[in-house]
Amino acid sequence: MRSYSELFRTREFTPLFLSSCFRTAASTVSGLALGTLVYRATDSPLLTALSMFGPSLAQMVGAATMLSAADRLPPRATVAGIALLFGLGTAAMAIPGLPIWTIFALLLLLGLIQSFGGGVLWGLLTEILAKEGYLLGRSVFNMMSGIAQITGFATGGVLVALLSPRVTLLLAAGLYLAAALTALLGLTPRAPRALGRPSIARTWKTNARLFSSPERRTLYLLLWVPNGLVVGCESLYVSYAPSRAGALFAFAALGMFAGDVTTGRLLPPRVRARLGIPFLLLLATPYLFFVLRPGVGVAAVLVAVASIGFGSSLIQQERLVALIPDELSGHALGLHTAGMLTMQGVSATLAGGMAQLASPATAMTVMAAASIAVTLTLAPSWLRRRAVPREGERPGLSAPKAQQSEVNYP
């Protein structure tokens, strides 16, 4: 699969794409509204960062207990059901007078639900497109995410200013409901990819199996840690520029869009494989200049340039997909998503705490330096193992494809 037109001619890709569009727009609008609501109520950079990215911490719990559900639940009903629950939860947060602790409790619950939702979504994408089309398909989803975030943050900023954070949350809830309806009507019922009931034991065993390969382990760390630390920088946009945070988020999304187009469509495979580490370094380096406390205009340019580096994620995901068996695609990709979001939550907490003690600019600079240090530490291992496997070969798997079964991959 080599072109975007081929993607949209593939049955079920369009409804899955549209449902994700609605969900991304809803998440963007609701995140900005909720961050503004919490900041106005508490005047706390830490709580503001936690309200926007803290629910990702629940992904760690979900990844250790619920992730086996990603391959053992019917995809259409699960995708639609998760969107519906997010819509109801977002609407509940708009209730006037709702205590801050109740809002965080709802966010924790939604984070637990989402811990296996990413695995269901991306596992379904590998079924619709097959592994050969995953990179191009995922790049389109990432580009859509960038566009939705650009428009969502810009629109959300206007809605929060003209209406109120609570009304904006209700509008976001409506977008989640549209996502649920699109998935329910547009996707075909499919059987789960793996047999058996989800369980904590299955989740632990499969996680251990995925981590048994040094190459997969390095890929997971590259996908989780450097990116997550930079998201800690992003979590401070509201406290860095309270009245212009929407502009910073929009420019960051614009840079991410440019990086995804370049990585997913323009770069030939051999060139792309060499850019994983350089893109990660680009992702963090511009944030070092926040030590100078630039104005919003310069800051917007810096975050746009930095966000081009998010294209590194596509490079590492392409390699990861080549290293996992089909019946574990949902679990393996869900582990990537859950770990990524967990690290984002951890980083938002760390960044918010540093900003509380020092300043948002100082915290952003420190998080960027940490991201660069982690990337340089992991780079030698990645460079040793970046060669693409020969056709039919899956490095790191101990059994041939004919022997892969529910027993081998519980």
Protein backbone atom coordinates (compact mmCIF):
# COMPACT_ATOMS: atom_id res chain seq x y z
CA MET A 1 0.00 0.00 0.00
CA ARG A 2 1.74 3.14 -1.26
CA SER A 3 -0.77 6.00 -1.50
CA TYR A 4 -3.35 7.77 0.62
CA SER A 5 -6.03 7.10 -2.00
CA GLU A 6 -5.48 3.36 -1.54
CA LEU A 7 -6.02 3.77 2.19
CA PHE A 8 -9.39 5.44 1.80
CA ARG A 9 -10.50 2.89 -0.77
CA THR A 10 -9.90 0.18 1.83
CA ARG A 11 -13.15 -0.96 3.41
CA GLU A 12 -13.63 0.19 7.03
CA PHE A 13 -10.63 2.52 7.04
CA THR A 14 -12.76 5.64 6.53
CA PRO A 15 -15.25 5.03 9.38
CA LEU A 16 -12.41 4.13 11.74
CA PHE A 17 -10.58 7.27 10.67
CA LEU A 18 -13.65 9.51 11.09
CA SER A 19 -14.42 8.07 14.51
CA SER A 20 -10.85 8.82 15.58
CA CYS A 21 -11.19 12.35 14.18
CA PHE A 22 -14.15 13.01 16.44
CA ARG A 23 -12.38 11.52 19.45
CA THR A 24 -9.20 13.50 18.90
CA ALA A 25 -11.12 16.74 18.49
CA ALA A 26 -13.11 15.98 21.64
CA SER A 27 -9.96 15.20 23.62
CA THR A 28 -8.27 18.39 22.44
CA VAL A 29 -11.18 20.71 23.18
CA SER A 30 -11.98 19.08 26.54
CA GLY A 31 -8.31 19.04 27.63
CA LEU A 32 -7.89 22.78 27.13
CA ALA A 33 -11.26 23.53 28.76
CA LEU A 34 -10.50 21.31 31.75
CA GLY A 35 -6.98 22.71 32.18
CA THR A 36 -8.40 26.25 32.15
CA LEU A 37 -11.14 25.30 34.61
CA VAL A 38 -8.68 23.74 37.06
CA TYR A 39 -6.17 26.59 36.73
CA ARG A 40 -8.86 29.17 37.46
CA ALA A 41 -10.03 27.20 40.48
CA THR A 42 -6.62 26.36 41.98
CA ASP A 43 -4.00 28.69 40.43
CA SER A 44 -1.71 25.64 40.51
CA PRO A 45 0.59 24.68 37.61
CA LEU A 46 0.87 21.16 39.08
CA LEU A 47 -2.88 20.50 39.25
CA THR A 48 -3.38 22.09 35.83
CA ALA A 49 -0.77 19.80 34.28
CA LEU A 50 -2.28 16.80 36.06
CA SER A 51 -5.79 17.64 34.85
CA MET A 52 -4.59 17.58 31.23
CA PHE A 53 -2.06 14.74 31.31
CA GLY A 54 -2.29 13.14 34.77
CA PRO A 55 -5.00 10.61 33.79
CA SER A 56 -2.32 8.98 31.69
CA LEU A 57 -0.85 7.70 34.96
CA ALA A 58 -3.79 5.30 35.12
CA GLN A 59 -2.44 3.71 31.95
CA MET A 60 0.31 2.10 34.04
CA VAL A 61 -2.25 0.31 36.18
CA GLY A 62 -4.30 -0.67 33.15
CA ALA A 63 -1.27 -1.95 31.24
CA ALA A 64 -0.46 -4.28 34.14
CA THR A 65 -4.00 -5.58 34.65
CA MET A 66 -6.33 -5.02 31.67
CA LEU A 67 -4.24 -5.01 28.50
CA SER A 68 -5.01 -8.61 27.55
CA ALA A 69 -8.51 -7.34 26.73
CA ALA A 70 -7.13 -5.53 23.67
CA ASP A 71 -7.08 -8.75 21.62
CA ARG A 72 -9.94 -10.53 23.40
CA LEU A 73 -12.86 -8.11 22.99
CA PRO A 74 -14.92 -7.51 19.82
CA PRO A 75 -13.29 -4.44 18.21
CA ARG A 76 -16.35 -2.57 16.91
CA ALA A 77 -18.31 -2.72 20.16
CA THR A 78 -15.22 -1.83 22.20
CA VAL A 79 -14.22 1.19 20.08
CA ALA A 80 -17.79 2.53 20.17
CA GLY A 81 -18.27 1.74 23.86
CA ILE A 82 -15.09 3.52 24.96
CA ALA A 83 -16.07 6.65 23.01
CA LEU A 84 -19.50 6.58 24.63
CA LEU A 85 -18.05 6.29 28.13
CA PHE A 86 -15.68 9.19 27.47
CA GLY A 87 -18.62 11.29 26.31
CA LEU A 88 -20.58 10.57 29.46
CA GLY A 89 -17.55 11.20 31.69
CA THR A 90 -16.74 14.50 29.97
CA ALA A 91 -20.34 15.66 30.33
CA ALA A 92 -20.24 14.80 34.04
CA MET A 93 -17.16 17.02 34.53
CA ALA A 94 -19.18 19.99 33.29
CA ILE A 95 -21.58 19.81 36.25
CA PRO A 96 -21.40 23.16 38.12
CA GLY A 97 -19.92 22.97 41.59
CA LEU A 98 -18.32 19.57 41.02
CA PRO A 99 -15.41 19.22 43.48
CA ILE A 100 -11.91 19.09 42.00
CA TRP A 101 -11.27 15.68 43.58
CA THR A 102 -14.36 14.28 41.80
CA ILE A 103 -13.05 15.56 38.46
CA PHE A 104 -9.74 13.80 39.07
CA ALA A 105 -11.55 10.60 40.07
CA LEU A 106 -13.45 10.66 36.77
CA LEU A 107 -10.22 11.27 34.88
CA LEU A 108 -8.60 8.30 36.63
CA LEU A 109 -11.51 6.05 35.67
CA LEU A 110 -11.38 7.16 32.03
CA GLY A 111 -7.62 6.61 32.00
CA LEU A 112 -8.10 3.01 33.13
CA ILE A 113 -10.64 2.42 30.37
CA GLN A 114 -8.34 3.93 27.77
CA SER A 115 -5.44 1.72 28.89
CA PHE A 116 -6.60 -1.03 26.51
CA GLY A 117 -8.51 1.22 24.09
CA GLY A 118 -5.39 2.13 22.13
CA GLY A 119 -4.57 -1.55 21.67
CA VAL A 120 -8.06 -2.28 20.34
CA LEU A 121 -7.85 0.64 17.89
CA TRP A 122 -4.37 -0.02 16.52
CA GLY A 123 -4.85 -3.77 16.49
CA LEU A 124 -7.97 -3.23 14.38
CA LEU A 125 -5.95 -1.00 12.06
CA THR A 126 -3.47 -3.84 11.42
CA GLU A 127 -6.43 -6.08 10.53
CA ILE A 128 -7.95 -3.55 8.13
CA LEU A 129 -4.67 -2.60 6.39
CA ALA A 130 -2.40 -5.57 7.20
CA LYS A 131 1.04 -4.91 8.65
CA GLU A 132 2.44 -3.71 5.32
CA GLY A 133 0.02 -0.78 5.33
CA TYR A 134 0.30 0.08 9.02
CA LEU A 135 2.96 2.80 8.75
CA LEU A 136 1.12 4.73 6.04
CA GLY A 137 -2.19 4.30 7.83
CA ARG A 138 -0.78 5.35 11.18
CA SER A 139 0.86 8.38 9.59
CA VAL A 140 -2.56 9.48 8.29
CA PHE A 141 -4.00 9.07 11.79
CA ASN A 142 -1.14 11.12 13.20
CA MET A 143 -1.63 13.83 10.57
CA MET A 144 -5.32 13.89 11.36
CA SER A 145 -4.41 14.22 15.02
CA GLY A 146 -2.19 17.19 14.21
CA ILE A 147 -4.91 18.92 12.19
CA ALA A 148 -7.56 18.15 14.80
CA GLN A 149 -5.32 19.53 17.52
CA ILE A 150 -4.55 22.70 15.53
CA THR A 151 -8.21 23.40 14.93
CA GLY A 152 -9.29 21.96 18.29
CA PHE A 153 -6.97 24.06 20.41
CA ALA A 154 -7.72 27.18 18.38
CA THR A 155 -11.47 26.53 18.53
CA GLY A 156 -11.29 25.45 22.15
CA GLY A 157 -9.49 28.66 23.09
CA VAL A 158 -12.21 30.72 21.41
CA LEU A 159 -15.01 28.67 23.00
CA VAL A 160 -13.49 28.93 26.48
CA ALA A 161 -13.14 32.71 26.06
CA LEU A 162 -16.58 33.35 24.53
CA LEU A 163 -18.61 30.78 26.41
CA SER A 164 -17.09 29.00 29.41
CA PRO A 165 -14.97 25.92 30.17
CA ARG A 166 -18.08 23.98 31.25
CA VAL A 167 -20.02 24.69 28.05
CA THR A 168 -16.92 23.73 26.07
CA LEU A 169 -16.79 20.42 27.95
CA LEU A 170 -20.39 19.69 26.94
CA LEU A 171 -19.55 20.35 23.29
CA ALA A 172 -16.61 17.95 23.60
CA ALA A 173 -18.93 15.33 25.06
CA GLY A 174 -21.07 15.67 21.92
CA LEU A 175 -18.01 14.97 19.77
CA TYR A 176 -17.31 11.79 21.74
CA LEU A 177 -20.88 10.63 21.13
CA ALA A 178 -20.43 11.30 17.39
CA ALA A 179 -17.30 9.12 17.49
CA ALA A 180 -19.24 6.28 19.12
CA LEU A 181 -22.04 6.48 16.56
CA THR A 182 -19.63 6.56 13.61
CA ALA A 183 -17.81 3.44 14.82
CA LEU A 184 -21.04 1.59 15.54
CA LEU A 185 -22.56 2.30 12.13
CA GLY A 186 -19.45 2.19 9.96
CA LEU A 187 -17.41 -0.76 11.23
CA THR A 188 -18.10 -4.43 10.60
CA PRO A 189 -18.50 -6.79 13.56
CA ARG A 190 -15.32 -8.83 13.98
CA ALA A 191 -14.34 -11.65 16.25
CA PRO A 192 -11.59 -10.99 18.82
CA ARG A 193 -8.06 -11.66 17.54
CA ALA A 194 -7.23 -14.05 20.40
CA LEU A 195 -9.17 -16.70 22.28
CA GLY A 196 -9.82 -16.86 25.99
CA ARG A 197 -10.97 -14.39 28.60
CA PRO A 198 -8.95 -11.31 29.54
CA SER A 199 -7.13 -11.68 32.84
CA ILE A 200 -4.37 -10.13 34.90
CA ALA A 201 -2.27 -13.30 34.53
CA ARG A 202 -2.51 -13.20 30.73
CA THR A 203 -1.58 -9.52 30.74
CA TRP A 204 1.51 -10.12 32.85
CA LYS A 205 2.68 -13.12 30.83
CA THR A 206 2.28 -11.37 27.51
CA ASN A 207 3.99 -8.22 28.75
CA ALA A 208 6.91 -10.36 29.92
CA ARG A 209 7.07 -12.12 26.55
CA LEU A 210 7.13 -8.83 24.65
CA PHE A 211 9.91 -7.53 26.89
CA SER A 212 11.95 -10.72 26.53
CA SER A 213 13.40 -9.43 23.26
CA PRO A 214 16.17 -6.82 23.76
CA GLU A 215 15.21 -5.12 20.49
CA ARG A 216 11.55 -4.76 21.41
CA ARG A 217 12.55 -3.58 24.87
CA THR A 218 14.73 -0.82 23.39
CA LEU A 219 11.96 0.18 21.01
CA TYR A 220 9.44 0.49 23.84
CA LEU A 221 11.80 2.66 25.87
CA LEU A 222 12.45 4.92 22.87
CA LEU A 223 8.72 5.20 22.24
CA TRP A 224 7.93 5.99 25.87
CA VAL A 225 10.61 8.02 27.61
CA PRO A 226 12.09 10.77 25.38
CA ASN A 227 8.68 11.66 23.92
CA GLY A 228 7.01 11.54 27.32
CA LEU A 229 9.53 13.95 28.84
CA VAL A 230 8.81 16.45 26.05
CA VAL A 231 5.08 16.11 26.68
CA GLY A 232 5.94 17.22 30.21
CA CYS A 233 7.09 20.47 28.59
CA GLU A 234 3.79 20.72 26.72
CA SER A 235 1.83 20.23 29.93
CA LEU A 236 3.15 23.61 31.11
CA TYR A 237 1.84 25.68 28.20
CA VAL A 238 -1.18 26.87 30.20
CA SER A 239 0.93 28.01 33.16
CA TYR A 240 3.66 29.46 30.86
CA ALA A 241 1.19 31.56 28.84
CA PRO A 242 -2.27 31.35 30.45
CA SER A 243 -4.02 33.54 27.86
CA ARG A 244 -2.15 32.18 24.80
CA ALA A 245 -1.79 28.49 25.58
CA GLY A 246 -4.10 27.57 22.70
CA ALA A 247 -1.64 29.15 20.25
CA LEU A 248 1.28 27.13 21.65
CA PHE A 249 -0.70 23.89 21.44
CA ALA A 250 -1.77 24.71 17.88
CA PHE A 251 1.79 25.42 16.71
CA ALA A 252 3.01 22.22 18.37
CA ALA A 253 0.32 20.29 16.49
CA LEU A 254 1.37 22.02 13.24
CA GLY A 255 4.95 20.84 13.72
CA MET A 256 3.78 17.30 14.49
CA PHE A 257 1.70 17.31 11.31
CA ALA A 258 4.74 18.33 9.25
CA GLY A 259 6.85 15.60 10.83
CA ASP A 260 4.24 12.92 10.16
CA VAL A 261 3.81 13.90 6.51
CA THR A 262 7.57 13.86 6.00
CA THR A 263 8.10 10.55 7.79
CA GLY A 264 5.07 8.63 6.57
CA ARG A 265 4.92 9.74 2.95
CA LEU A 266 8.04 11.54 1.73
CA LEU A 267 11.05 9.73 3.18
CA PRO A 268 12.23 6.51 1.50
CA PRO A 269 12.57 3.54 3.89
CA ARG A 270 16.39 3.55 4.05
CA VAL A 271 16.54 7.25 4.87
CA ARG A 272 13.66 6.96 7.33
CA ALA A 273 15.38 4.17 9.26
CA ARG A 274 18.38 6.42 9.92
CA LEU A 275 16.36 9.33 11.33
CA GLY A 276 14.88 7.78 14.47
CA ILE A 277 17.51 9.19 16.83
CA PRO A 278 18.00 12.57 15.06
CA PHE A 279 14.24 13.18 15.20
CA LEU A 280 14.20 12.43 18.95
CA LEU A 281 17.00 14.94 19.48
CA LEU A 282 15.13 17.53 17.42
CA LEU A 283 12.06 16.90 19.56
CA ALA A 284 13.78 18.09 22.73
CA THR A 285 16.50 20.54 21.70
CA PRO A 286 14.34 23.65 20.99
CA TYR A 287 12.90 23.48 24.52
CA LEU A 288 16.36 24.18 25.91
CA PHE A 289 15.88 27.77 24.71
CA PHE A 290 12.98 28.23 27.13
CA VAL A 291 15.63 28.95 29.76
CA LEU A 292 15.68 32.41 28.12
CA ARG A 293 11.90 32.77 28.73
CA PRO A 294 10.99 33.71 25.14
CA GLY A 295 7.82 35.59 24.30
CA VAL A 296 4.80 33.74 22.96
CA GLY A 297 5.74 34.38 19.31
CA VAL A 298 9.23 32.91 19.61
CA ALA A 299 7.95 30.14 21.87
CA ALA A 300 5.40 29.15 19.21
CA VAL A 301 8.16 28.81 16.60
CA LEU A 302 10.29 26.74 18.97
CA VAL A 303 7.50 24.29 19.81
CA ALA A 304 6.56 23.93 16.13
CA VAL A 305 10.15 23.04 15.17
CA ALA A 306 10.47 20.66 18.11
CA SER A 307 7.25 18.82 17.32
CA ILE A 308 8.53 17.80 13.88
CA GLY A 309 10.58 15.31 15.91
CA PHE A 310 7.44 13.38 16.89
CA GLY A 311 7.90 11.69 13.49
CA SER A 312 10.39 9.46 15.30
CA SER A 313 7.47 7.55 16.77
CA LEU A 314 6.38 6.33 13.33
CA ILE A 315 9.89 5.04 12.59
CA GLN A 316 10.00 3.05 15.82
CA GLN A 317 6.43 1.79 15.47
CA GLU A 318 7.17 0.48 11.97
CA ARG A 319 10.00 -1.57 13.42
CA LEU A 320 7.90 -2.76 16.36
CA VAL A 321 5.07 -3.98 14.11
CA ALA A 322 7.60 -6.10 12.20
CA LEU A 323 8.63 -7.81 15.45
CA ILE A 324 5.25 -8.91 16.84
CA PRO A 325 2.99 -11.87 15.98
CA ASP A 326 -0.42 -11.12 14.47
CA GLU A 327 -2.45 -12.41 17.41
CA LEU A 328 -0.62 -10.05 19.77
CA SER A 329 -0.81 -6.92 17.62
CA GLY A 330 -3.45 -5.29 19.81
CA HIS A 331 -1.66 -6.12 23.05
CA ALA A 332 1.77 -5.04 21.77
CA LEU A 333 0.53 -1.76 20.29
CA GLY A 334 -1.65 -1.19 23.33
CA LEU A 335 1.42 -1.61 25.52
CA HIS A 336 3.13 1.06 23.43
CA THR A 337 0.16 3.41 23.85
CA ALA A 338 -0.31 2.69 27.55
CA GLY A 339 3.38 3.11 28.33
CA MET A 340 3.55 6.29 26.27
CA LEU A 341 0.57 7.83 28.06
CA THR A 342 1.85 6.68 31.44
CA MET A 343 5.16 8.40 30.80
CA GLN A 344 3.30 11.50 29.71
CA GLY A 345 1.43 11.52 33.01
CA VAL A 346 4.62 10.97 35.01
CA SER A 347 6.36 13.73 33.08
CA ALA A 348 3.45 16.13 33.51
CA THR A 349 3.59 15.49 37.26
CA LEU A 350 7.35 16.05 37.41
CA ALA A 351 7.18 19.15 35.22
CA GLY A 352 4.27 20.59 37.19
CA GLY A 353 6.09 20.01 40.48
CA MET A 354 9.25 21.71 39.20
CA ALA A 355 7.21 24.61 37.85
CA GLN A 356 5.53 24.98 41.23
CA LEU A 357 8.93 25.22 42.96
CA ALA A 358 10.79 27.21 40.29
CA SER A 359 9.05 28.38 37.07
CA PRO A 360 7.43 26.81 33.99
CA ALA A 361 10.38 27.93 31.81
CA THR A 362 12.92 26.29 34.12
CA ALA A 363 10.93 23.07 34.29
CA MET A 364 10.61 22.88 30.50
CA THR A 365 14.35 23.31 30.09
CA VAL A 366 15.13 20.55 32.60
CA MET A 367 12.65 18.11 31.01
CA ALA A 368 14.15 18.75 27.56
CA ALA A 369 17.68 18.11 28.85
CA ALA A 370 16.51 14.84 30.43
CA SER A 371 14.92 13.76 27.13
CA ILE A 372 18.17 14.36 25.26
CA ALA A 373 20.14 12.40 27.88
CA VAL A 374 17.81 9.39 27.62
CA THR A 375 17.92 9.43 23.82
CA LEU A 376 21.72 9.48 23.76
CA THR A 377 21.82 6.63 26.30
CA LEU A 378 19.52 4.39 24.22
CA ALA A 379 20.93 5.39 20.82
CA PRO A 380 23.76 2.80 20.64
CA SER A 381 21.36 -0.10 21.20
CA TRP A 382 18.90 1.22 18.59
CA LEU A 383 21.63 1.78 15.99
CA ARG A 384 22.95 -1.77 16.44
CA ARG A 385 19.53 -3.29 15.76
CA ARG A 386 17.89 -0.99 13.23
CA ALA A 387 18.33 -3.28 10.19
CA VAL A 388 14.94 -4.27 8.73
CA PRO A 389 14.29 -8.06 8.96
CA ARG A 390 14.16 -10.16 5.82
CA GLU A 391 10.71 -11.01 4.52
CA GLY A 392 9.04 -13.59 6.74
CA GLU A 393 11.57 -13.16 9.53
CA ARG A 394 10.55 -11.89 12.96
CA PRO A 395 13.60 -11.42 15.18
CA GLY A 396 13.10 -12.03 18.86
CA LEU A 397 10.35 -14.67 18.48
CA SER A 398 11.34 -18.09 19.68
CA ALA A 399 8.73 -20.12 17.80
CA PRO A 400 7.98 -20.31 14.07
CA LYS A 401 4.69 -18.87 12.90
CA ALA A 402 3.07 -22.26 12.53
CA GLN A 403 3.64 -22.94 16.21
CA GLN A 404 2.33 -19.61 17.52
CA SER A 405 -0.80 -20.32 19.49
CA GLU A 406 -2.83 -19.26 22.49
CA VAL A 407 -0.52 -21.41 24.60
CA ASN A 408 2.64 -19.78 23.30
CA TYR A 409 1.23 -16.26 23.49
CA PRO A 410 -1.26 -16.23 26.41
